[in-house]
Amino acid sequence: MSKEKIQVIERIGAAASPDQLFNMTADFKGARYFYMNKDRSEWLIGLGHAYIIKEESRSPEKISEAYQALLARVDGDHHVRLFGGFQFDDGTSELFEGFGHSHFIWPKIQILYRNNELLFSYTDMTEEEIDGWYHEHHADRPVIQTISNLDEEKFLNNVRMAVEAMDNQLFDKVVLSRQKKIVAENQIDSSWLIENGLKNLENSYLVLLEEGNKLFVSRTPEQLVKVENNQLSTNAIAGTMSRSIADAEKKLLADGKNLFEHQIVVNSITADIQDFTTGLKIPETPGILANNFFYHLYTPIEAIIEEGDILSVSDALHPTPALGGYPKEEAARFIERVEGDRGFYGAPMGYITPDMDGEFVVAIRSMLVEGNTAVLFAGCGVVKDSIPESELYETEIKFKPMLQLLGVSQ
């Protein structure tokens, strides 16, 4: 990596929607990302790689060290964020070959929308390059040919084995997942996915990361952690019920299996952040988070951060019992044995600001796209009284955000 000074030029831009902007960026295909928060009040587009930091291990320390070295080479203030994530586990997933276990990008062009304003940040670009990076692009809707489940019976058997393990007191909860495969007649285009995703009101983040000819997408409701101005915010989201069930909200708030699963997550998160924080604020009972297809039990958690930064806190939290299980190590070993490696499914993804604040989400409700094929991921929390067929049904519901994103009618 060159030690020359890094030049960042920043300009305020005219208002535009993120799908319009992304549709002008085909020249950067294979090296783009998109990140939007739940209420659409803030989003990021990254184009090209000014600098890319990859490690073949999950290493927050090395990412922090490399980012600080880059920041030291910039003259003056700027708003360039480092964007990326860490794979769920330390193993190797063939689906995610090429991504790296730690994968973070300083883009050539960053477009940041917040406070109703667009800010363009250009790294090491000439005025001529700045004036000519955008070109109109038309993205076609994917025409779906086939939809198939990859591992239904394996998933049912994994649930049975997990319940047996909990009967033997090996762990209290584990999150198990399965996959669905979609094949289209034509290539599945990032720009079209963003355009289609913005048409649907959904109380979820939208995250998209291209790496060469592969594309990872998540439409997750789950924040892992946010740190801003010494304030830490996170939440427990665990316990799910379909909105199609009569009186689902009331039933979910009184459902013993879901309340038990939720409390495990609350207790674990509280323990994980205690060494970093003071002034913990947490409601006594959970509320409801509503999405298009589900109700979730939801507990917001806030504190003042006294030690560490966004990377160290996110590393301590991952994986929460909402995505791994509890106790963490025992559940992780079971997942590795019965599922193998997850890649970026359920992984921490997000951004880091120059002052080491930032936000990471948990990349559930996700898929990996390559050409005309998408592999979708969905999971659910399994506890002692779980029924395999009920858990299978829950995962089927959780595929719906990705199916909707692909334009598959429900």
Protein backbone atom coordinates (compact mmCIF):
# COMPACT_ATOMS: atom_id res chain seq x y z
CA MET A 1 0.00 0.00 0.00
CA SER A 2 1.44 3.37 -1.04
CA LYS A 3 2.37 5.83 1.72
CA GLU A 4 1.61 8.91 -0.39
CA LYS A 5 -0.88 11.47 0.87
CA ILE A 6 -4.55 10.72 0.21
CA GLN A 7 -6.55 13.53 -1.38
CA VAL A 8 -10.27 13.74 -0.61
CA ILE A 9 -12.42 16.30 -2.44
CA GLU A 10 -15.96 16.84 -1.10
CA ARG A 11 -18.91 18.53 -2.76
CA ILE A 12 -22.56 19.05 -1.94
CA GLY A 13 -24.80 17.56 -4.64
CA ALA A 14 -28.34 18.04 -5.87
CA ALA A 15 -31.06 15.87 -4.34
CA ALA A 16 -31.58 12.48 -6.00
CA SER A 17 -32.99 9.13 -5.00
CA PRO A 18 -30.52 6.29 -4.30
CA ASP A 19 -31.90 4.09 -7.08
CA GLN A 20 -31.48 6.93 -9.60
CA LEU A 21 -27.88 7.39 -8.52
CA PHE A 22 -27.11 3.67 -8.52
CA ASN A 23 -28.54 3.39 -12.03
CA MET A 24 -25.81 5.81 -13.18
CA THR A 25 -22.92 3.69 -11.86
CA ALA A 26 -22.65 0.70 -14.21
CA ASP A 27 -18.98 1.54 -14.89
CA PHE A 28 -18.24 0.49 -11.29
CA LYS A 29 -20.15 -2.79 -11.40
CA GLY A 30 -18.47 -5.43 -9.25
CA ALA A 31 -17.07 -2.80 -6.86
CA ARG A 32 -20.14 -1.08 -5.42
CA TYR A 33 -22.06 -1.08 -2.15
CA PHE A 34 -25.28 0.36 -0.77
CA TYR A 35 -26.41 0.83 2.82
CA MET A 36 -29.70 2.34 4.00
CA ASN A 37 -31.04 2.59 7.54
CA LYS A 38 -34.54 1.57 8.58
CA ASP A 39 -36.32 4.90 8.23
CA ARG A 40 -34.39 5.88 5.06
CA SER A 41 -33.09 9.03 6.75
CA GLU A 42 -29.47 8.06 5.99
CA TRP A 43 -27.84 6.03 3.23
CA LEU A 44 -24.47 5.37 1.63
CA ILE A 45 -23.36 4.48 -1.88
CA GLY A 46 -19.77 3.43 -2.50
CA LEU A 47 -18.27 3.21 -6.01
CA GLY A 48 -14.92 1.68 -6.84
CA HIS A 49 -12.07 0.78 -4.50
CA ALA A 50 -9.62 3.52 -3.58
CA TYR A 51 -8.39 1.14 -0.87
CA ILE A 52 -9.65 -2.29 0.11
CA ILE A 53 -8.73 -4.05 3.35
CA LYS A 54 -9.14 -7.83 3.33
CA GLU A 55 -8.02 -10.38 5.88
CA GLU A 56 -8.42 -14.15 5.73
CA SER A 57 -9.48 -14.12 9.36
CA ARG A 58 -12.01 -12.18 11.41
CA SER A 59 -9.72 -9.44 12.72
CA PRO A 60 -11.23 -6.16 14.03
CA GLU A 61 -7.80 -5.15 15.35
CA LYS A 62 -6.16 -5.35 11.91
CA ILE A 63 -9.06 -3.47 10.29
CA SER A 64 -8.80 -0.71 12.89
CA GLU A 65 -5.01 -0.49 12.46
CA ALA A 66 -5.26 -0.32 8.64
CA TYR A 67 -8.04 2.31 8.74
CA GLN A 68 -6.12 4.48 11.20
CA ALA A 69 -3.07 4.29 8.92
CA LEU A 70 -5.17 5.49 5.97
CA LEU A 71 -6.75 8.29 8.01
CA ALA A 72 -3.29 9.54 9.03
CA ARG A 73 -2.47 10.16 5.36
CA VAL A 74 -5.41 12.51 4.69
CA ASP A 75 -4.96 16.26 5.06
CA GLY A 76 -7.95 17.96 6.63
CA ASP A 77 -11.37 16.77 7.71
CA HIS A 78 -13.52 14.52 5.56
CA HIS A 79 -16.56 12.25 5.81
CA VAL A 80 -15.32 9.06 4.12
CA ARG A 81 -16.52 5.98 5.97
CA LEU A 82 -15.00 2.54 5.83
CA PHE A 83 -17.72 0.07 4.80
CA GLY A 84 -17.78 -3.71 4.99
CA GLY A 85 -18.08 -6.57 7.42
CA PHE A 86 -16.79 -9.75 8.99
CA GLN A 87 -17.95 -13.21 8.00
CA PHE A 88 -20.09 -15.04 10.56
CA ASP A 89 -17.45 -17.62 11.46
CA ASP A 90 -13.80 -18.50 10.92
CA GLY A 91 -14.40 -21.33 8.45
CA THR A 92 -14.40 -21.16 4.66
CA SER A 93 -17.66 -20.98 2.71
CA GLU A 94 -17.35 -21.79 -1.00
CA LEU A 95 -20.28 -19.49 -1.74
CA PHE A 96 -18.34 -16.51 -0.37
CA GLU A 97 -14.97 -17.32 -1.88
CA GLY A 98 -13.14 -14.10 -2.74
CA PHE A 99 -14.78 -11.89 -0.14
CA GLY A 100 -12.27 -12.40 2.67
CA HIS A 101 -13.28 -12.99 6.29
CA SER A 102 -12.68 -9.31 7.03
CA HIS A 103 -13.73 -7.19 4.05
CA PHE A 104 -13.72 -3.36 4.18
CA ILE A 105 -13.70 -0.70 1.47
CA TRP A 106 -12.61 2.94 1.21
CA PRO A 107 -14.42 3.83 -2.02
CA LYS A 108 -13.22 6.01 -4.88
CA ILE A 109 -16.57 7.81 -4.68
CA GLN A 110 -18.78 7.90 -1.59
CA ILE A 111 -22.27 9.37 -1.72
CA LEU A 112 -23.65 10.09 1.75
CA TYR A 113 -27.24 11.15 2.31
CA ARG A 114 -28.19 12.56 5.71
CA ASN A 115 -29.95 15.65 7.07
CA ASN A 116 -31.74 15.89 3.70
CA GLU A 117 -28.43 16.60 1.96
CA LEU A 118 -26.15 14.72 -0.45
CA LEU A 119 -22.41 14.82 0.15
CA PHE A 120 -20.06 13.45 -2.52
CA SER A 121 -16.54 12.44 -1.42
CA TYR A 122 -13.95 11.76 -4.14
CA THR A 123 -10.68 10.04 -3.23
CA ASP A 124 -7.57 10.55 -5.38
CA MET A 125 -9.58 11.66 -8.44
CA THR A 126 -8.86 14.42 -10.95
CA GLU A 127 -11.41 17.12 -11.78
CA GLU A 128 -11.93 15.45 -15.15
CA GLU A 129 -12.70 12.12 -13.48
CA ILE A 130 -15.04 13.80 -11.00
CA ASP A 131 -17.01 15.45 -13.81
CA GLY A 132 -17.41 12.27 -15.86
CA TRP A 133 -18.03 9.22 -13.66
CA TYR A 134 -21.77 8.79 -14.22
CA HIS A 135 -23.56 7.16 -17.15
CA GLU A 136 -27.22 6.23 -17.59
CA HIS A 137 -27.95 2.52 -17.09
CA HIS A 138 -31.11 0.48 -17.55
CA ALA A 139 -31.61 -2.54 -15.31
CA ASP A 140 -34.02 -5.33 -16.32
CA ARG A 141 -36.31 -7.17 -13.94
CA PRO A 142 -35.19 -10.77 -13.30
CA VAL A 143 -37.46 -13.29 -14.98
CA ILE A 144 -37.67 -16.17 -12.50
CA GLN A 145 -37.44 -19.71 -13.88
CA THR A 146 -37.22 -21.99 -10.85
CA ILE A 147 -37.48 -21.85 -7.05
CA SER A 148 -36.23 -24.79 -5.02
CA ASN A 149 -35.47 -25.65 -1.40
CA LEU A 150 -31.94 -26.96 -0.90
CA ASP A 151 -31.99 -28.61 2.51
CA GLU A 152 -35.47 -29.00 4.06
CA GLU A 153 -34.94 -32.50 5.46
CA LYS A 154 -31.50 -31.63 6.75
CA PHE A 155 -32.95 -28.59 8.53
CA LEU A 156 -35.73 -30.66 10.16
CA ASN A 157 -33.18 -33.20 11.34
CA ASN A 158 -30.91 -30.44 12.68
CA VAL A 159 -33.81 -29.07 14.75
CA ARG A 160 -34.49 -32.54 16.17
CA MET A 161 -30.80 -32.94 17.09
CA ALA A 162 -30.73 -29.47 18.67
CA VAL A 163 -33.78 -30.22 20.84
CA GLU A 164 -32.18 -33.48 21.94
CA ALA A 165 -28.95 -31.62 22.80
CA MET A 166 -30.93 -29.12 24.89
CA ASP A 167 -32.73 -31.98 26.64
CA ASN A 168 -29.23 -33.11 27.60
CA GLN A 169 -28.46 -29.54 28.80
CA LEU A 170 -25.67 -28.92 26.24
CA PHE A 171 -27.00 -25.41 25.50
CA ASP A 172 -30.19 -23.34 25.94
CA LYS A 173 -30.77 -22.05 22.41
CA VAL A 174 -29.34 -22.35 18.92
CA VAL A 175 -30.20 -20.56 15.67
CA LEU A 176 -30.42 -22.89 12.68
CA SER A 177 -30.71 -21.90 9.04
CA ARG A 178 -31.51 -23.29 5.61
CA GLN A 179 -31.29 -22.17 1.98
CA LYS A 180 -33.47 -21.65 -1.07
CA LYS A 181 -32.24 -21.39 -4.66
CA ILE A 182 -33.68 -19.06 -7.31
CA VAL A 183 -32.71 -19.28 -10.98
CA ALA A 184 -33.67 -16.50 -13.42
CA GLU A 185 -33.55 -16.35 -17.21
CA ASN A 186 -31.39 -13.23 -17.08
CA GLN A 187 -28.75 -11.72 -14.80
CA ILE A 188 -29.96 -10.40 -11.45
CA ASP A 189 -28.93 -6.74 -11.41
CA SER A 190 -27.95 -4.74 -8.29
CA SER A 191 -29.55 -1.56 -9.59
CA TRP A 192 -32.88 -3.29 -10.15
CA LEU A 193 -32.83 -4.82 -6.66
CA ILE A 194 -32.36 -1.38 -5.09
CA GLU A 195 -35.03 0.15 -7.30
CA ASN A 196 -37.48 -2.62 -6.42
CA GLY A 197 -36.55 -2.59 -2.75
CA LEU A 198 -37.37 1.10 -2.41
CA LYS A 199 -40.91 0.50 -3.68
CA ASN A 200 -41.83 -1.52 -0.61
CA LEU A 201 -42.20 0.01 2.82
CA GLU A 202 -40.27 -2.32 5.11
CA ASN A 203 -38.97 -1.59 8.62
CA SER A 204 -35.53 -2.96 7.72
CA TYR A 205 -32.05 -1.96 6.66
CA LEU A 206 -31.08 -2.59 3.05
CA VAL A 207 -27.45 -3.65 2.52
CA LEU A 208 -25.79 -4.61 -0.77
CA LEU A 209 -22.12 -5.48 -1.38
CA GLU A 210 -20.60 -6.42 -4.74
CA GLU A 211 -17.37 -8.38 -5.00
CA GLY A 212 -16.46 -9.07 -8.63
CA ASN A 213 -19.20 -11.22 -10.15
CA LYS A 214 -20.82 -11.92 -6.76
CA LEU A 215 -23.34 -9.85 -4.84
CA PHE A 216 -24.46 -10.16 -1.22
CA VAL A 217 -27.75 -8.56 -0.21
CA SER A 218 -29.49 -8.30 3.15
CA ARG A 219 -32.81 -6.77 4.13
CA THR A 220 -32.40 -7.11 7.86
CA PRO A 221 -34.50 -5.69 10.69
CA GLU A 222 -31.68 -6.24 13.16
CA GLN A 223 -29.14 -3.67 14.30
CA LEU A 224 -26.10 -5.14 16.03
CA VAL A 225 -24.86 -1.85 17.51
CA LYS A 226 -24.56 1.87 16.80
CA VAL A 227 -22.06 4.22 18.44
CA GLU A 228 -22.43 7.97 17.98
CA ASN A 229 -21.16 10.80 20.18
CA ASN A 230 -20.42 8.45 23.11
CA GLN A 231 -23.91 6.97 22.95
CA LEU A 232 -24.27 3.24 22.36
CA SER A 233 -27.54 1.82 21.10
CA THR A 234 -28.40 -1.78 20.35
CA ASN A 235 -31.45 -3.98 20.61
CA ALA A 236 -32.68 -7.48 21.17
CA ILE A 237 -34.87 -8.83 18.37
CA ALA A 238 -35.83 -12.44 18.98
CA GLY A 239 -39.20 -14.15 18.96
CA THR A 240 -41.23 -14.07 15.76
CA MET A 241 -44.83 -14.57 14.69
CA SER A 242 -46.39 -14.26 11.25
CA ARG A 243 -48.66 -11.24 10.76
CA SER A 244 -51.13 -13.58 9.04
CA ILE A 245 -52.05 -15.12 12.42
CA ALA A 246 -55.12 -13.61 14.11
CA ASP A 247 -54.21 -11.38 17.09
CA ALA A 248 -50.53 -12.11 16.39
CA GLU A 249 -49.17 -9.17 18.42
CA LYS A 250 -51.13 -10.13 21.53
CA LYS A 251 -50.27 -13.80 21.17
CA LEU A 252 -46.56 -13.09 20.65
CA LEU A 253 -46.34 -10.93 23.78
CA ALA A 254 -47.81 -13.82 25.80
CA ASP A 255 -46.01 -16.73 24.10
CA GLY A 256 -43.74 -18.56 26.53
CA LYS A 257 -41.41 -20.08 23.92
CA ASN A 258 -40.78 -16.72 22.22
CA LEU A 259 -40.45 -14.79 25.51
CA PHE A 260 -37.88 -17.29 26.77
CA GLU A 261 -35.91 -17.03 23.52
CA HIS A 262 -36.06 -13.22 23.71
CA GLN A 263 -34.87 -12.99 27.31
CA ILE A 264 -31.81 -15.09 26.51
CA VAL A 265 -30.82 -12.48 23.92
CA VAL A 266 -31.45 -9.54 26.28
CA ASN A 267 -29.34 -11.10 29.03
CA SER A 268 -26.48 -11.94 26.67
CA ILE A 269 -26.31 -8.47 25.09
CA THR A 270 -26.36 -6.81 28.51
CA ALA A 271 -23.45 -8.98 29.65
CA ASP A 272 -21.46 -8.39 26.43
CA ILE A 273 -21.54 -4.57 26.66
CA GLN A 274 -21.05 -4.17 30.41
CA ASP A 275 -17.24 -3.79 30.16
CA PHE A 276 -17.61 -0.97 27.62
CA THR A 277 -20.48 1.07 29.07
CA THR A 278 -22.19 2.84 31.96
CA GLY A 279 -25.72 4.20 32.40
CA LEU A 280 -27.53 1.20 30.92
CA LYS A 281 -31.16 1.83 29.96
CA ILE A 282 -33.38 -1.16 29.20
CA PRO A 283 -37.18 -1.58 29.36
CA GLU A 284 -38.56 -4.16 31.78
CA THR A 285 -40.66 -5.90 29.13
CA PRO A 286 -40.31 -6.24 25.32
CA GLY A 287 -42.39 -4.42 22.75
CA ILE A 288 -43.26 -5.28 19.16
CA LEU A 289 -41.29 -4.56 15.99
CA ALA A 290 -43.50 -4.88 12.91
CA ASN A 291 -42.32 -5.73 9.40
CA ASN A 292 -44.35 -6.51 6.30
CA PHE A 293 -44.55 -10.21 7.09
CA PHE A 294 -43.73 -10.62 10.81
CA TYR A 295 -44.03 -9.32 14.32
CA HIS A 296 -40.85 -9.57 16.43
CA LEU A 297 -40.33 -9.17 20.15
CA TYR A 298 -38.15 -6.08 20.50
CA THR A 299 -36.18 -4.53 23.37
CA PRO A 300 -34.10 -1.35 22.76
CA ILE A 301 -30.93 -1.04 24.85
CA GLU A 302 -28.97 2.20 25.38
CA ALA A 303 -25.83 3.11 27.32
CA ILE A 304 -22.91 5.54 27.48
CA ILE A 305 -19.74 4.09 25.94
CA GLU A 306 -16.69 4.53 28.16
CA GLU A 307 -14.23 2.04 26.63
CA GLY A 308 -13.55 0.77 23.11
CA ASP A 309 -15.12 1.80 19.81
CA ILE A 310 -17.58 0.50 17.23
CA LEU A 311 -15.27 -2.34 16.17
CA SER A 312 -14.45 -3.65 19.63
CA VAL A 313 -18.07 -3.51 20.78
CA SER A 314 -19.41 -5.19 17.66
CA ASP A 315 -16.81 -7.94 18.03
CA ALA A 316 -17.86 -8.53 21.64
CA LEU A 317 -21.53 -8.75 20.68
CA HIS A 318 -21.18 -11.05 17.66
CA PRO A 319 -22.85 -13.42 17.40
CA THR A 320 -25.75 -12.49 19.64
CA PRO A 321 -27.97 -15.40 20.71
CA ALA A 322 -30.47 -14.09 18.14
CA LEU A 323 -28.11 -15.37 15.41
CA GLY A 324 -25.92 -17.96 17.11
CA GLY A 325 -27.33 -19.27 20.33
CA TYR A 326 -26.59 -19.48 24.03
CA PRO A 327 -24.15 -20.20 25.56
CA LYS A 328 -22.35 -18.76 22.56
CA GLU A 329 -19.42 -21.18 22.23
CA GLU A 330 -21.49 -24.34 22.63
CA ALA A 331 -24.09 -23.12 20.13
CA ALA A 332 -21.38 -22.09 17.64
CA ARG A 333 -19.82 -25.54 17.77
CA PHE A 334 -23.20 -27.15 17.08
CA ILE A 335 -23.86 -24.83 14.11
CA GLU A 336 -20.43 -25.59 12.64
CA ARG A 337 -21.03 -29.33 13.00
CA VAL A 338 -24.51 -29.48 11.44
CA GLU A 339 -24.43 -26.55 8.95
CA GLY A 340 -20.82 -25.78 8.10
CA ASP A 341 -19.70 -22.22 7.42
CA ARG A 342 -22.19 -19.38 6.92
CA GLY A 343 -20.07 -16.76 5.16
CA PHE A 344 -21.79 -13.38 5.43
CA TYR A 345 -25.19 -14.79 6.36
CA GLY A 346 -25.88 -13.48 9.88
CA ALA A 347 -22.61 -11.55 9.86
CA PRO A 348 -21.87 -8.03 11.18
CA MET A 349 -21.90 -5.48 8.33
CA GLY A 350 -21.80 -1.71 8.41
CA TYR A 351 -19.63 1.40 8.44
CA ILE A 352 -16.95 3.06 10.53
CA THR A 353 -16.56 6.86 10.66
CA PRO A 354 -13.20 8.67 10.91
CA ASP A 355 -13.74 9.15 14.68
CA MET A 356 -14.36 5.37 15.06
CA ASP A 357 -18.10 5.67 15.58
CA GLY A 358 -20.42 3.78 13.25
CA GLU A 359 -23.20 1.26 12.91
CA PHE A 360 -23.27 -2.49 12.27
CA VAL A 361 -26.28 -4.60 11.42
CA VAL A 362 -26.83 -8.36 11.48
CA ALA A 363 -27.09 -9.58 7.87
CA ILE A 364 -30.10 -11.90 8.11
CA ARG A 365 -32.93 -12.12 5.51
CA SER A 366 -30.20 -12.27 2.90
CA MET A 367 -28.96 -13.84 -0.33
CA LEU A 368 -25.85 -14.35 -2.41
CA VAL A 369 -26.27 -13.63 -6.12
CA GLU A 370 -24.00 -14.78 -8.93
CA GLY A 371 -25.14 -14.16 -12.49
CA ASN A 372 -28.71 -15.42 -12.84
CA THR A 373 -28.70 -17.48 -9.62
CA ALA A 374 -29.51 -16.45 -6.05
CA VAL A 375 -29.05 -18.54 -2.91
CA LEU A 376 -31.33 -17.27 -0.15
CA PHE A 377 -30.70 -17.71 3.60
CA ALA A 378 -33.19 -17.79 6.48
CA GLY A 379 -33.02 -19.04 10.03
CA CYS A 380 -34.90 -19.30 13.32
CA GLY A 381 -34.21 -19.71 17.00
CA VAL A 382 -34.59 -23.23 18.35
CA VAL A 383 -35.26 -23.81 22.05
CA LYS A 384 -36.15 -26.86 24.12
CA ASP A 385 -39.84 -26.95 23.22
CA SER A 386 -39.39 -26.18 19.49
CA ILE A 387 -41.36 -28.27 16.99
CA PRO A 388 -39.34 -28.96 13.79
CA GLU A 389 -42.26 -28.42 11.40
CA SER A 390 -43.13 -25.10 13.08
CA GLU A 391 -39.55 -23.91 12.74
CA LEU A 392 -39.57 -24.90 9.08
CA TYR A 393 -42.69 -22.78 8.58
CA GLU A 394 -41.03 -19.84 10.33
CA THR A 395 -38.02 -19.97 8.00
CA GLU A 396 -40.36 -20.11 5.01
CA ILE A 397 -41.90 -16.82 6.12
CA LYS A 398 -38.43 -15.35 6.62
CA PHE A 399 -37.54 -15.99 2.97
CA LYS A 400 -40.28 -13.56 1.92
CA PRO A 401 -38.27 -10.30 2.10
CA MET A 402 -35.69 -11.69 -0.36
CA LEU A 403 -38.37 -13.22 -2.59
CA GLN A 404 -40.16 -9.87 -2.65
CA LEU A 405 -36.89 -8.12 -3.47
CA LEU A 406 -36.47 -10.46 -6.46
CA GLY A 407 -40.00 -9.67 -7.64
CA VAL A 408 -41.42 -13.08 -6.78
CA SER A 409 -45.15 -12.80 -6.11
CA GLN A 410 -46.25 -14.19 -2.74
